[in-house]
Amino acid sequence: MEMSSAPPPLEPTLSSLIVVSYEGTRDEAGRLDTLGSAEPSFARFSGGHSYSGSFARGMMNGRGTYTWADGTKYEGEFSWNTIEGRGTFSWGDGSTYEGDLKAGLRDGEGTFLGSGGVPKYTGSWRGGKRHGKGTLWYDVDRDCYYEGEWQANQRHGVGSMRYKPSAGSAVLGQGNPRKSKSSASQEGNLYVGNWDRDLKCGEGTMHWFDRREKYVGCWAADQPEGKGEHIWIESRPDNTAAGTPKLMCNKYVTRFPPGMPNVCPTESVGSSPFYPPVTLRADGARFTLLWFGLVVVGRRYTGDWVAGERHGVGSFIYANGARYDGAWAHGAKHGLGVFTFEDGHVYEGPFSEDRMVEPDAESPLRGPDATMQPQLRLHTADLVPAHFSDAAATAERLALEKTVLR
């Protein structure tokens, strides 16, 4: 038998071997063979590798332990000089694999545990790579992980990604949604949906618990693309005790239109994460409140997205009841659109870079007071470009908050 050079540190495989010394029984032909004995035979190979276990017809066959010169060790099943079946690999850095193997590679169901416990993967393998369904934990605390489908070591198919928690996060609908922004979160942000070669692609939902935002819709190349809805979820009023069955609208509607009764529903918070919309009507005004446990939707954009920006046609609904329906370009209102103010006035016409084009004497402004000039009241969060760079968006938002919109 010949002995090849030392195998690589991952998925070490066996080829033909040169035996330097052997302690054990042989068959009638003089070949290495344990002959069914419970006592393992021991062989040392050129290059400093060794094997202790069962032999048959001169080859490793059955259960045994193979140790490479670099300290890598395999203990488990062999089939005619090939690692095949169930077994455990141990590497010099402390990493381990326990599970199914085929032709010396991880194949089937098994668990890999990295040095120091990171990373950890439990699930399906094919040809030494993560393939099929499985869960990969990225940190020791096990609070950052991907669970779902894999293809050739990449997230591919349907799966959920839980990101590492950050200070300021709060799990909506769980624990205390009034937790201080400086407090640590219970869980990190979450994406649930489709993946394509390690990138978000297709239908999916992203929860930014640290920013109290949510996106539901289509993705491409890890960014919103196509049709989707972005929701900003507001905290409940501070004077509302946990579990109080109260309509949470006073914070978002500065006044009730005449004739609208200031009443509250009798439902208490239940197990369902979303309540049906609560719609109030009076004198033609319409207010819709969406429940989310003990929180309520503040602002919402529904429409087209391109490369993570609002682009195309869409609707933006403000927390104060105002709304915009029309064209968007690179995250800003741009083109023809209709802006409905919270007091019922309507501007219909062109927008440029997120602002109305100044109306003239023939302005299409409509409402109970046609002589009233519109004042564009925008939330600063809506003026921040709708890309998904947290650091950049935060900096721009802080700058805008110091600017008086004219």
Protein backbone atom coordinates (compact mmCIF):
# COMPACT_ATOMS: atom_id res chain seq x y z
CA MET A 1 0.00 0.00 0.00
CA GLU A 2 1.10 3.60 -0.70
CA MET A 3 0.66 6.60 1.57
CA SER A 4 -0.35 9.98 0.19
CA SER A 5 0.67 13.32 1.71
CA ALA A 6 -1.15 14.58 4.79
CA PRO A 7 -4.83 15.47 4.09
CA PRO A 8 -6.16 19.01 4.47
CA PRO A 9 -7.50 20.07 7.90
CA LEU A 10 -11.15 19.91 6.74
CA GLU A 11 -12.87 16.81 5.38
CA PRO A 12 -9.69 14.67 5.51
CA THR A 13 -10.04 11.65 3.27
CA LEU A 14 -8.11 8.41 2.97
CA SER A 15 -6.48 6.94 -0.10
CA SER A 16 -4.07 4.06 -0.44
CA LEU A 17 -1.71 3.72 2.53
CA ILE A 18 1.79 2.48 3.32
CA VAL A 19 1.91 0.48 6.55
CA VAL A 20 5.04 1.05 8.59
CA SER A 21 4.10 -1.22 11.50
CA TYR A 22 1.13 -3.38 12.47
CA GLU A 23 -0.02 -4.99 15.70
CA GLY A 24 -2.85 -7.45 15.25
CA THR A 25 -4.07 -10.56 13.47
CA ARG A 26 -3.91 -11.49 9.79
CA ASP A 27 -5.97 -13.72 7.52
CA GLU A 28 -4.70 -16.84 5.71
CA ALA A 29 -3.39 -14.70 2.88
CA GLY A 30 -1.35 -12.62 5.32
CA ARG A 31 -3.54 -9.56 4.99
CA LEU A 32 -4.38 -7.31 7.94
CA ASP A 33 -7.60 -8.69 9.37
CA THR A 34 -9.09 -8.61 12.85
CA LEU A 35 -10.96 -11.83 11.98
CA GLY A 36 -14.00 -10.77 13.98
CA SER A 37 -12.02 -10.23 17.16
CA ALA A 38 -13.26 -7.68 19.66
CA GLU A 39 -9.68 -6.56 20.18
CA PRO A 40 -8.74 -3.72 17.76
CA SER A 41 -5.65 -3.93 15.65
CA PHE A 42 -3.20 -1.06 15.43
CA ALA A 43 -1.39 0.19 12.34
CA ARG A 44 1.10 2.99 11.87
CA PHE A 45 1.48 4.54 8.44
CA SER A 46 4.24 6.54 6.79
CA GLY A 47 3.90 10.25 7.46
CA GLY A 48 3.09 9.75 11.13
CA HIS A 49 -0.58 8.75 10.72
CA SER A 50 -2.11 5.86 12.66
CA TYR A 51 -5.24 3.73 12.88
CA SER A 52 -6.76 1.63 15.66
CA GLY A 53 -9.77 -0.52 14.91
CA SER A 54 -11.15 -3.20 12.64
CA PHE A 55 -9.45 -4.54 9.51
CA ALA A 56 -10.77 -6.86 6.82
CA ARG A 57 -8.88 -8.20 3.79
CA GLY A 58 -6.05 -5.79 4.44
CA MET A 59 -8.24 -2.63 4.63
CA MET A 60 -9.82 -0.55 7.39
CA ASN A 61 -13.41 -1.72 7.61
CA GLY A 62 -15.90 -1.42 10.46
CA ARG A 63 -15.32 0.88 13.43
CA GLY A 64 -12.03 2.53 14.22
CA THR A 65 -10.06 5.66 14.96
CA TYR A 66 -7.79 7.32 12.42
CA THR A 67 -5.35 10.01 13.61
CA TRP A 68 -3.45 12.30 11.25
CA ALA A 69 0.02 13.57 12.07
CA ASP A 70 -1.32 17.12 12.56
CA GLY A 71 -3.65 15.96 15.35
CA THR A 72 -6.86 15.70 13.31
CA LYS A 73 -8.79 12.66 14.44
CA TYR A 74 -11.72 10.67 13.11
CA GLU A 75 -13.59 8.10 15.17
CA GLY A 76 -16.40 6.15 13.59
CA GLU A 77 -17.30 3.88 10.71
CA PHE A 78 -15.07 2.86 7.80
CA SER A 79 -15.87 1.05 4.58
CA TRP A 80 -12.90 -0.46 2.74
CA ASN A 81 -10.38 2.27 3.54
CA THR A 82 -13.00 5.02 3.14
CA ILE A 83 -14.61 7.09 5.85
CA GLU A 84 -18.26 6.21 5.39
CA GLY A 85 -21.24 6.13 7.76
CA ARG A 86 -21.50 7.81 11.16
CA GLY A 87 -18.59 9.29 13.00
CA THR A 88 -16.89 12.21 14.72
CA PHE A 89 -14.10 14.49 13.48
CA SER A 90 -11.95 16.44 15.90
CA TRP A 91 -9.51 19.13 14.78
CA GLY A 92 -6.52 20.57 16.58
CA ASP A 93 -8.20 23.96 17.14
CA GLY A 94 -11.05 22.33 19.07
CA SER A 95 -13.55 22.19 16.21
CA THR A 96 -15.68 19.05 15.92
CA TYR A 97 -18.14 17.41 13.58
CA GLU A 98 -20.50 14.61 14.53
CA GLY A 99 -22.83 13.01 12.03
CA ASP A 100 -23.10 11.33 8.64
CA LEU A 101 -20.20 11.05 6.22
CA LYS A 102 -19.75 9.84 2.67
CA ALA A 103 -16.41 9.35 0.93
CA GLY A 104 -14.72 11.21 3.79
CA LEU A 105 -16.96 14.28 3.50
CA ARG A 106 -19.80 15.53 5.65
CA ASP A 107 -22.91 14.25 3.91
CA GLY A 108 -26.33 13.71 5.49
CA GLU A 109 -27.32 14.97 8.93
CA GLY A 110 -24.73 16.29 11.33
CA THR A 111 -23.49 19.01 13.67
CA PHE A 112 -20.35 21.12 13.27
CA LEU A 113 -19.06 23.08 16.26
CA GLY A 114 -16.29 25.59 15.69
CA SER A 115 -13.42 26.50 17.97
CA GLY A 116 -14.77 28.08 21.15
CA GLY A 117 -18.29 27.07 20.20
CA VAL A 118 -18.56 29.43 17.20
CA PRO A 119 -19.97 28.85 14.70
CA LYS A 120 -22.39 25.99 15.27
CA TYR A 121 -24.34 24.34 12.48
CA THR A 122 -26.89 21.57 12.84
CA GLY A 123 -28.65 20.19 9.80
CA SER A 124 -28.14 18.69 6.36
CA TRP A 125 -24.89 18.41 4.42
CA ARG A 126 -23.90 17.41 0.91
CA GLY A 127 -20.36 16.93 -0.34
CA GLY A 128 -18.88 18.60 2.76
CA LYS A 129 -21.07 21.72 2.49
CA ARG A 130 -24.22 22.94 4.21
CA HIS A 131 -27.01 21.84 1.90
CA GLY A 132 -30.69 21.32 2.69
CA LYS A 133 -32.33 22.43 5.92
CA GLY A 134 -30.33 23.51 8.91
CA THR A 135 -29.54 26.13 11.52
CA LEU A 136 -26.31 28.12 11.77
CA TRP A 137 -25.55 30.04 14.96
CA TYR A 138 -23.03 32.85 14.55
CA ASP A 139 -22.22 33.73 18.16
CA VAL A 140 -21.68 32.10 21.53
CA ASP A 141 -24.87 33.56 22.98
CA ARG A 142 -26.89 31.79 20.25
CA ASP A 143 -29.00 34.90 19.63
CA CYS A 144 -27.72 35.51 16.09
CA TYR A 145 -28.65 32.69 13.74
CA TYR A 146 -30.08 31.59 10.40
CA GLU A 147 -32.64 28.81 10.24
CA GLY A 148 -33.84 27.50 6.91
CA GLU A 149 -32.68 26.16 3.58
CA TRP A 150 -29.09 26.02 2.31
CA GLN A 151 -27.36 25.35 -1.00
CA ALA A 152 -23.60 24.82 -1.24
CA ASN A 153 -22.87 26.66 2.02
CA GLN A 154 -25.12 29.62 1.11
CA ARG A 155 -28.53 30.65 2.43
CA HIS A 156 -30.80 29.70 -0.44
CA GLY A 157 -34.54 29.08 -0.42
CA VAL A 158 -36.82 29.91 2.49
CA GLY A 159 -35.36 30.84 5.85
CA SER A 160 -35.27 33.27 8.76
CA MET A 161 -32.29 35.34 9.88
CA ARG A 162 -32.17 36.65 13.44
CA TYR A 163 -29.55 39.38 13.77
CA LYS A 164 -27.52 40.12 16.87
CA PRO A 165 -29.40 42.37 19.31
CA SER A 166 -28.30 45.96 19.69
CA ALA A 167 -28.82 48.44 22.49
CA GLY A 168 -32.09 50.28 21.96
CA SER A 169 -34.00 47.38 20.44
CA ALA A 170 -37.38 46.32 21.79
CA VAL A 171 -39.36 43.28 20.82
CA LEU A 172 -42.78 44.46 19.74
CA GLY A 173 -45.60 42.37 21.11
CA GLN A 174 -43.27 40.68 23.59
CA GLY A 175 -41.98 41.73 26.97
CA ASN A 176 -42.27 45.44 27.69
CA PRO A 177 -42.71 47.56 24.54
CA ARG A 178 -42.09 50.69 26.62
CA LYS A 179 -38.53 49.66 27.43
CA SER A 180 -36.11 52.55 27.35
CA LYS A 181 -34.24 53.10 24.10
CA SER A 182 -31.00 52.71 26.02
CA SER A 183 -31.95 49.27 27.28
CA ALA A 184 -30.75 46.06 25.73
CA SER A 185 -33.22 44.20 23.55
CA GLN A 186 -34.59 40.75 24.13
CA GLU A 187 -33.99 39.73 20.53
CA GLY A 188 -32.38 41.20 17.46
CA ASN A 189 -33.87 42.25 14.14
CA LEU A 190 -35.52 39.50 12.11
CA TYR A 191 -35.92 38.65 8.42
CA VAL A 192 -38.28 35.88 7.32
CA GLY A 193 -38.59 35.01 3.66
CA ASN A 194 -36.78 33.94 0.52
CA TRP A 195 -33.04 33.91 -0.16
CA ASP A 196 -30.92 33.55 -3.27
CA ARG A 197 -27.23 32.71 -2.87
CA ASP A 198 -26.89 34.37 0.53
CA LEU A 199 -28.97 37.46 -0.39
CA LYS A 200 -32.58 38.36 0.41
CA CYS A 201 -34.51 37.81 -2.82
CA GLY A 202 -38.21 37.26 -3.47
CA GLU A 203 -40.99 37.65 -0.93
CA GLY A 204 -39.92 38.46 2.61
CA THR A 205 -40.58 40.40 5.80
CA MET A 206 -37.97 42.39 7.70
CA HIS A 207 -38.54 43.52 11.29
CA TRP A 208 -36.23 46.28 12.56
CA PHE A 209 -37.10 46.09 16.23
CA ASP A 210 -34.37 48.59 17.14
CA ARG A 211 -35.89 51.16 14.74
CA ARG A 212 -39.51 50.07 15.26
CA GLU A 213 -39.94 49.52 11.55
CA LYS A 214 -41.18 46.72 9.35
CA TYR A 215 -41.03 45.98 5.62
CA VAL A 216 -43.23 43.42 3.88
CA GLY A 217 -42.81 42.73 0.19
CA CYS A 218 -40.39 41.88 -2.58
CA TRP A 219 -36.59 41.85 -2.36
CA ALA A 220 -33.68 41.61 -4.79
CA ALA A 221 -29.95 41.59 -4.05
CA ASP A 222 -30.60 42.12 -0.32
CA GLN A 223 -32.72 45.27 -0.82
CA PRO A 224 -36.45 46.02 -1.22
CA GLU A 225 -37.30 45.77 -4.93
CA GLY A 226 -40.74 45.66 -6.53
CA LYS A 227 -43.96 45.94 -4.55
CA GLY A 228 -43.74 46.37 -0.80
CA GLU A 229 -44.95 48.10 2.34
CA HIS A 230 -42.77 49.89 4.90
CA ILE A 231 -44.35 50.51 8.29
CA TRP A 232 -43.12 52.74 11.11
CA ILE A 233 -44.50 51.41 14.39
CA GLU A 234 -45.05 53.98 17.12
CA SER A 235 -44.92 53.42 20.87
CA ARG A 236 -48.19 53.52 22.77
CA PRO A 237 -48.88 56.66 24.81
CA ASP A 238 -46.95 56.85 28.06
CA ASN A 239 -50.14 57.25 30.10
CA THR A 240 -51.54 53.96 28.87
CA ALA A 241 -50.85 51.13 31.30
CA ALA A 242 -49.85 47.72 29.97
CA GLY A 243 -52.87 45.60 29.10
CA THR A 244 -55.31 48.55 29.14
CA PRO A 245 -57.95 48.03 26.42
CA LYS A 246 -57.77 51.61 25.14
CA LEU A 247 -57.92 53.00 21.62
CA MET A 248 -54.47 54.47 21.07
CA CYS A 249 -55.24 57.35 18.75
CA ASN A 250 -55.07 60.58 20.79
CA LYS A 251 -51.34 60.74 20.26
CA TYR A 252 -51.67 60.54 16.52
CA VAL A 253 -54.92 62.45 15.81
CA THR A 254 -54.58 65.96 17.25
CA ARG A 255 -58.34 66.47 17.30
CA PHE A 256 -61.37 64.35 16.57
CA PRO A 257 -63.51 65.72 13.71
CA PRO A 258 -66.90 67.13 14.80
CA GLY A 259 -69.38 64.40 15.53
CA MET A 260 -66.80 61.69 16.06
CA PRO A 261 -67.35 60.07 19.46
CA ASN A 262 -64.19 59.70 21.51
CA VAL A 263 -64.82 56.09 22.39
CA CYS A 264 -62.57 53.13 22.91
CA PRO A 265 -63.01 49.49 21.85
CA THR A 266 -63.56 46.90 24.51
CA GLU A 267 -61.12 44.31 23.15
CA SER A 268 -58.08 43.62 25.28
CA VAL A 269 -54.70 42.61 23.93
CA GLY A 270 -54.76 38.98 22.82
CA SER A 271 -52.35 36.45 21.41
CA SER A 272 -52.70 37.56 17.80
CA PRO A 273 -49.88 39.95 16.78
CA PHE A 274 -52.21 42.07 14.64
CA TYR A 275 -55.70 43.32 15.41
CA PRO A 276 -58.13 44.07 12.58
CA PRO A 277 -58.03 47.74 11.50
CA VAL A 278 -60.15 50.09 13.62
CA THR A 279 -61.80 52.62 11.29
CA LEU A 280 -63.47 55.82 12.52
CA ARG A 281 -65.63 57.96 10.22
CA ALA A 282 -67.09 61.44 10.72
CA ASP A 283 -67.96 64.24 8.28
CA GLY A 284 -66.15 62.48 5.45
CA ALA A 285 -62.92 62.03 7.39
CA ARG A 286 -61.48 58.55 7.73
CA PHE A 287 -58.90 57.40 10.23
CA THR A 288 -57.52 53.86 10.28
CA LEU A 289 -55.52 52.52 13.21
CA LEU A 290 -53.63 49.24 12.95
CA TRP A 291 -52.89 47.40 16.17
CA PHE A 292 -49.68 45.53 16.93
CA GLY A 293 -49.93 44.12 20.42
CA LEU A 294 -49.57 47.26 22.58
CA VAL A 295 -48.31 49.46 19.75
CA VAL A 296 -49.89 51.13 16.73
CA VAL A 297 -48.77 51.89 13.21
CA GLY A 298 -47.61 55.50 12.89
CA ARG A 299 -46.56 55.98 9.24
CA ARG A 300 -46.82 53.65 6.28
CA TYR A 301 -45.61 53.57 2.67
CA THR A 302 -47.12 51.13 0.19
CA GLY A 303 -45.92 50.95 -3.40
CA ASP A 304 -42.95 50.48 -5.69
CA TRP A 305 -39.32 50.05 -4.64
CA VAL A 306 -36.08 50.07 -6.62
CA ALA A 307 -32.74 49.21 -5.03
CA GLY A 308 -34.05 49.89 -1.53
CA GLU A 309 -35.64 53.26 -2.34
CA ARG A 310 -39.25 54.37 -2.84
CA HIS A 311 -39.34 54.66 -6.62
CA GLY A 312 -42.32 54.44 -8.96
CA VAL A 313 -45.88 54.83 -7.71
CA GLY A 314 -46.91 54.61 -4.08
CA SER A 315 -48.86 55.95 -1.13
CA PHE A 316 -47.47 57.41 2.08
CA ILE A 317 -49.81 57.73 5.08
CA TYR A 318 -48.72 59.97 7.95
CA ALA A 319 -49.48 59.44 11.62
CA ASN A 320 -51.52 62.65 11.75
CA GLY A 321 -53.91 61.44 9.02
CA ALA A 322 -52.32 63.22 6.06
CA ARG A 323 -51.38 61.15 3.03
CA TYR A 324 -49.65 61.32 -0.33
CA ASP A 325 -50.55 59.27 -3.39
CA GLY A 326 -48.47 59.56 -6.52
CA ALA A 327 -45.07 59.33 -8.13
CA TRP A 328 -41.73 58.77 -6.36
CA ALA A 329 -38.12 58.94 -7.48
CA HIS A 330 -35.13 57.84 -5.40
CA GLY A 331 -37.01 58.00 -2.10
CA ALA A 332 -38.64 61.41 -2.66
CA LYS A 333 -42.01 62.58 -3.96
CA HIS A 334 -41.34 63.48 -7.57
CA GLY A 335 -43.82 63.82 -10.40
CA LEU A 336 -47.58 64.03 -10.27
CA GLY A 337 -49.28 63.31 -6.99
CA VAL A 338 -52.08 64.11 -4.58
CA PHE A 339 -51.38 65.32 -1.05
CA THR A 340 -54.30 65.25 1.39
CA PHE A 341 -53.75 67.33 4.53
CA GLU A 342 -55.03 66.24 7.93
CA ASP A 343 -57.62 69.06 7.84
CA GLY A 344 -59.13 67.77 4.59
CA HIS A 345 -57.49 70.12 2.09
CA VAL A 346 -56.11 68.48 -1.03
CA TYR A 347 -53.25 69.51 -3.30
CA GLU A 348 -53.15 67.75 -6.67
CA GLY A 349 -50.29 68.51 -8.99
CA PRO A 350 -46.54 68.22 -9.55
CA PHE A 351 -43.91 67.51 -6.90
CA SER A 352 -40.19 68.03 -7.20
CA GLU A 353 -37.62 66.46 -4.88
CA ASP A 354 -40.13 65.77 -2.10
CA ARG A 355 -41.85 69.19 -2.22
CA MET A 356 -44.92 70.60 -3.90
CA VAL A 357 -44.32 72.90 -6.83
CA GLU A 358 -45.61 76.30 -5.61
CA PRO A 359 -49.29 76.51 -6.62
CA ASP A 360 -50.41 79.50 -8.71
CA ALA A 361 -53.82 81.16 -9.16
CA GLU A 362 -55.04 78.06 -10.97
CA SER A 363 -53.79 75.75 -8.26
CA PRO A 364 -55.79 72.54 -7.96
CA LEU A 365 -56.00 73.03 -4.18
CA ARG A 366 -59.38 71.79 -3.02
CA GLY A 367 -61.10 72.04 0.35
CA PRO A 368 -63.61 73.96 2.45
CA ASP A 369 -61.48 77.13 2.20
CA ALA A 370 -60.22 77.55 -1.35
CA THR A 371 -58.26 80.70 -0.44
CA MET A 372 -56.12 78.84 2.08
CA GLN A 373 -52.53 78.36 0.99
CA PRO A 374 -51.21 74.86 1.69
CA GLN A 375 -48.41 74.40 4.20
CA LEU A 376 -46.54 71.20 3.56
CA ARG A 377 -46.20 69.48 6.92
CA LEU A 378 -43.82 66.58 6.58
CA HIS A 379 -42.27 64.32 9.16
CA THR A 380 -38.51 64.46 9.07
CA ALA A 381 -38.33 60.69 8.82
CA ASP A 382 -40.09 60.92 5.46
CA LEU A 383 -37.46 63.34 4.13
CA VAL A 384 -34.62 60.93 4.80
CA PRO A 385 -33.80 58.98 1.61
CA ALA A 386 -35.43 55.58 1.83
CA HIS A 387 -32.23 53.58 1.51
CA PHE A 388 -31.47 51.12 4.26
CA SER A 389 -28.20 52.43 5.67
CA ASP A 390 -28.88 52.88 9.38
CA ALA A 391 -25.90 55.14 10.08
CA ALA A 392 -26.52 57.46 7.15
CA ALA A 393 -30.26 57.67 7.80
CA THR A 394 -29.73 58.47 11.47
CA ALA A 395 -27.27 61.26 10.68
CA GLU A 396 -29.59 62.82 8.12
CA ARG A 397 -32.57 62.58 10.43
CA LEU A 398 -30.71 64.36 13.24
CA ALA A 399 -29.68 67.11 10.84
CA LEU A 400 -33.22 67.57 9.54
CA GLU A 401 -34.64 67.80 13.02
CA LYS A 402 -32.55 70.95 13.55
CA THR A 403 -33.88 72.56 10.38
CA VAL A 404 -37.10 74.55 10.17
CA LEU A 405 -39.05 73.35 7.14
CA ARG A 406 -40.39 76.27 5.14
